[in-house]
């Protein structure tokens, strides 16, 4: 009883009652803007949750508690739910990029990469991406692995000193060997 009287009666008489304000509307605002508005109103901000949303961009406030215009004490706390943006992201076009550039581009899109094959190509530089799977501009979930096929460059000419058995048969018959 003493603690209750002290905190609810005596302290407010000595130090004054805390100011009561209305919570500002921050739903639909960008997180940094919402934090600034709430802090300017002398309120504390806690991001309670973050959710994927196909219709709301990343870092936009989805919900707030208490709701706007609710009476709250100065130094009270407002809890926010923030959008993580879409769960799906488009696969960037990494065709003809060298592997390092492609890997960085995929990582910046919150995707992973894996080299699954390499083939000779006279039209694509060595270590450049020839194919990606899923294809560019496909929508995939974040953290999806994009499988890449890289160019090995131009196919080397066969060594003239090496003679395979099949091609040597023609020469042998000419000389009766």
Protein backbone atom coordinates (compact mmCIF):
# COMPACT_ATOMS: atom_id res chain seq x y z
CA UNK A 1 0.00 0.00 0.00
CA UNK A 2 2.86 2.37 0.81
CA UNK A 3 4.51 1.82 -2.60
CA UNK A 4 1.20 2.35 -4.36
CA UNK A 5 0.49 5.60 -2.49
CA UNK A 6 4.03 6.78 -3.06
CA UNK A 7 4.00 6.08 -6.83
CA UNK A 8 0.41 7.18 -7.55
CA UNK A 9 -0.11 10.09 -5.12
CA UNK A 10 3.05 11.49 -3.56
CA UNK A 11 5.39 11.40 -6.63
CA UNK A 12 2.81 12.95 -8.98
CA UNK A 13 2.16 15.77 -6.46
CA UNK A 14 5.89 16.47 -6.09
CA UNK A 15 6.94 16.06 -9.75
CA UNK A 16 3.63 16.74 -11.48
CA UNK A 17 1.48 14.37 -13.50
CA UNK A 18 2.89 13.12 -16.80
CA UNK A 19 1.46 14.73 -19.92
CA UNK A 20 -1.17 12.82 -21.88
CA UNK A 21 -1.01 12.98 -25.69
CA UNK A 22 -2.74 11.29 -28.62
CA UNK A 23 -0.75 8.73 -30.57
CA UNK A 24 0.03 9.97 -34.06
CA UNK A 25 -1.04 7.99 -37.16
CA UNK A 26 2.00 6.15 -38.59
CA UNK A 27 0.37 3.26 -40.50
CA UNK A 28 1.39 3.46 -44.16
CA UNK A 29 4.51 5.50 -43.41
CA UNK A 30 8.12 4.42 -43.90
CA UNK A 31 9.69 3.01 -40.72
CA UNK A 32 12.32 5.74 -40.26
CA UNK A 33 9.70 8.48 -40.73
CA UNK A 34 7.36 6.77 -38.25
CA UNK A 35 10.14 6.44 -35.66
CA UNK A 36 11.02 10.13 -36.05
CA UNK A 37 7.36 11.22 -35.65
CA UNK A 38 6.86 9.07 -32.57
CA UNK A 39 10.13 10.16 -30.97
CA UNK A 40 9.28 13.83 -31.63
CA UNK A 41 6.00 13.16 -29.77
CA UNK A 42 8.19 11.82 -26.91
CA UNK A 43 7.03 8.24 -27.36
CA UNK A 44 9.11 5.08 -27.37
CA UNK A 45 9.04 2.83 -30.45
CA UNK A 46 9.21 -0.96 -30.49
CA UNK A 47 9.02 -2.98 -33.71
CA UNK A 48 6.98 -5.91 -32.48
CA UNK A 49 6.78 -7.88 -35.72
CA UNK A 50 7.62 -7.85 -39.40
CA UNK A 51 5.54 -9.66 -42.00
CA UNK A 52 5.74 -10.39 -45.72
CA UNK A 53 3.20 -8.46 -47.78
CA UNK A 54 2.56 -8.78 -51.50
CA UNK A 55 0.80 -5.40 -51.56
CA UNK A 56 2.90 -3.24 -49.20
CA UNK A 57 6.52 -2.28 -49.86
CA UNK A 58 9.37 -3.19 -47.52
CA UNK A 59 9.84 -1.01 -44.36
CA UNK A 60 6.26 0.39 -44.45
CA UNK A 61 4.20 0.31 -41.22
CA UNK A 62 1.32 -2.21 -41.42
CA UNK A 63 -0.12 -1.81 -37.89
CA UNK A 64 0.41 0.20 -34.74
CA UNK A 65 -0.68 -0.33 -31.15
CA UNK A 66 -2.18 1.65 -29.54
CA UNK A 67 -4.26 2.76 -32.52
CA UNK A 68 -4.02 6.38 -33.73
CA UNK A 69 -5.54 9.13 -31.55
CA UNK A 70 -5.49 6.91 -28.46
CA UNK A 71 -4.64 8.85 -25.30
CA UNK A 72 -1.22 7.80 -23.99
CA UNK A 73 1.29 9.20 -21.51
CA UNK A 74 4.38 10.96 -22.75
CA UNK A 75 7.22 8.39 -22.71
CA UNK A 76 4.65 5.68 -23.44
CA UNK A 77 5.42 2.93 -25.96
CA UNK A 78 3.97 2.44 -29.43
CA UNK A 79 4.35 -1.05 -30.93
CA UNK A 80 4.72 -1.38 -34.70
CA UNK A 81 4.33 -4.15 -37.28
CA UNK A 82 6.48 -3.54 -40.36
CA UNK A 83 6.27 -4.97 -43.88
CA UNK A 84 9.15 -7.14 -45.12
CA UNK A 85 7.90 -6.57 -48.66
CA UNK A 86 7.04 -9.33 -51.08
CA UNK A 87 8.12 -12.88 -50.40
CA UNK A 88 8.75 -13.17 -54.15
CA UNK A 89 11.57 -11.40 -55.99
CA UNK A 90 12.34 -11.24 -59.72
CA UNK A 91 15.43 -13.11 -60.91
CA UNK A 92 17.83 -10.51 -62.35
CA UNK A 93 19.16 -10.99 -65.88
CA UNK A 94 22.74 -12.20 -65.33
CA UNK A 95 23.26 -13.63 -68.83
CA UNK A 96 26.64 -12.50 -70.29
CA UNK A 97 27.84 -11.21 -66.88
CA UNK A 98 31.04 -12.67 -65.49
CA UNK A 99 30.44 -15.00 -62.56
CA UNK A 100 31.51 -12.49 -59.88
CA UNK A 101 29.12 -9.82 -61.18
CA UNK A 102 26.30 -12.35 -61.48
CA UNK A 103 26.86 -13.62 -57.94
CA UNK A 104 26.75 -10.05 -56.54
CA UNK A 105 23.62 -9.21 -58.55
CA UNK A 106 21.85 -12.34 -57.28
CA UNK A 107 22.95 -11.72 -53.69
CA UNK A 108 21.64 -8.12 -53.91
CA UNK A 109 18.27 -9.58 -54.92
CA UNK A 110 18.36 -11.87 -51.85
CA UNK A 111 19.01 -14.94 -54.02
CA UNK A 112 21.76 -17.57 -53.96
CA UNK A 113 23.83 -18.92 -56.85
CA UNK A 114 25.28 -22.26 -57.81
CA UNK A 115 27.38 -23.25 -60.82
CA UNK A 116 25.84 -26.41 -62.24
CA UNK A 117 27.64 -26.71 -65.58
CA UNK A 118 30.20 -25.15 -67.88
CA UNK A 119 30.25 -25.47 -71.65
CA UNK A 120 32.43 -24.25 -74.51
CA UNK A 121 31.16 -21.20 -76.34
CA UNK A 122 32.70 -19.17 -79.13
CA UNK A 123 30.25 -16.31 -78.56
CA UNK A 124 30.43 -15.91 -74.75
CA UNK A 125 33.57 -15.00 -72.81
CA UNK A 126 35.13 -17.50 -70.44
CA UNK A 127 33.54 -17.45 -66.93
CA UNK A 128 30.49 -15.51 -68.18
CA UNK A 129 26.96 -16.80 -67.57
CA UNK A 130 25.34 -18.58 -70.53
CA UNK A 131 22.11 -19.74 -68.84
CA UNK A 132 20.31 -19.32 -65.54
CA UNK A 133 17.56 -21.43 -64.07
CA UNK A 134 15.07 -20.05 -63.07
CA UNK A 135 15.06 -17.75 -66.08
CA UNK A 136 15.58 -13.97 -65.82
CA UNK A 137 12.53 -11.99 -64.62
CA UNK A 138 10.88 -15.11 -63.15
CA UNK A 139 9.38 -14.46 -59.70
CA UNK A 140 10.84 -16.75 -57.02
CA UNK A 141 10.96 -16.85 -53.24
CA UNK A 142 13.80 -15.07 -51.50
CA UNK A 143 16.87 -17.26 -50.81
CA UNK A 144 16.13 -19.41 -53.90
CA UNK A 145 19.22 -20.93 -55.51
CA UNK A 146 19.68 -19.79 -59.11
CA UNK A 147 21.58 -22.44 -61.07
CA UNK A 148 24.12 -21.01 -63.52
CA UNK A 149 25.83 -22.45 -66.59
CA UNK A 150 29.15 -20.73 -67.32
CA UNK A 151 31.15 -20.43 -70.51
CA UNK A 152 34.48 -22.22 -70.75
CA UNK A 153 35.39 -19.93 -73.64
CA UNK A 154 36.26 -21.16 -77.11
CA UNK A 155 36.78 -24.86 -77.51
CA UNK A 156 40.50 -25.57 -77.87
CA UNK A 157 41.71 -27.11 -81.10
CA UNK A 158 42.85 -30.72 -80.77
CA UNK A 159 46.56 -31.18 -80.24
CA UNK A 160 48.10 -32.04 -83.62
CA UNK A 161 50.41 -34.63 -82.04
CA UNK A 162 47.52 -36.62 -80.68
CA UNK A 163 45.95 -39.00 -83.19
CA UNK A 164 42.85 -40.87 -82.23
CA UNK A 165 42.36 -44.45 -83.43
CA UNK A 166 39.42 -43.71 -85.75
CA UNK A 167 41.08 -40.91 -87.75
CA UNK A 168 44.38 -42.80 -88.03
CA UNK A 169 42.70 -45.76 -89.81
CA UNK A 170 42.31 -43.66 -93.00
CA UNK A 171 46.01 -42.76 -93.09
CA UNK A 172 47.10 -46.32 -92.39
CA UNK A 173 45.10 -47.70 -95.31
CA UNK A 174 46.69 -45.16 -97.67
CA UNK A 175 50.17 -46.36 -96.76
CA UNK A 176 49.24 -50.02 -96.19
CA UNK A 177 50.19 -49.97 -92.55
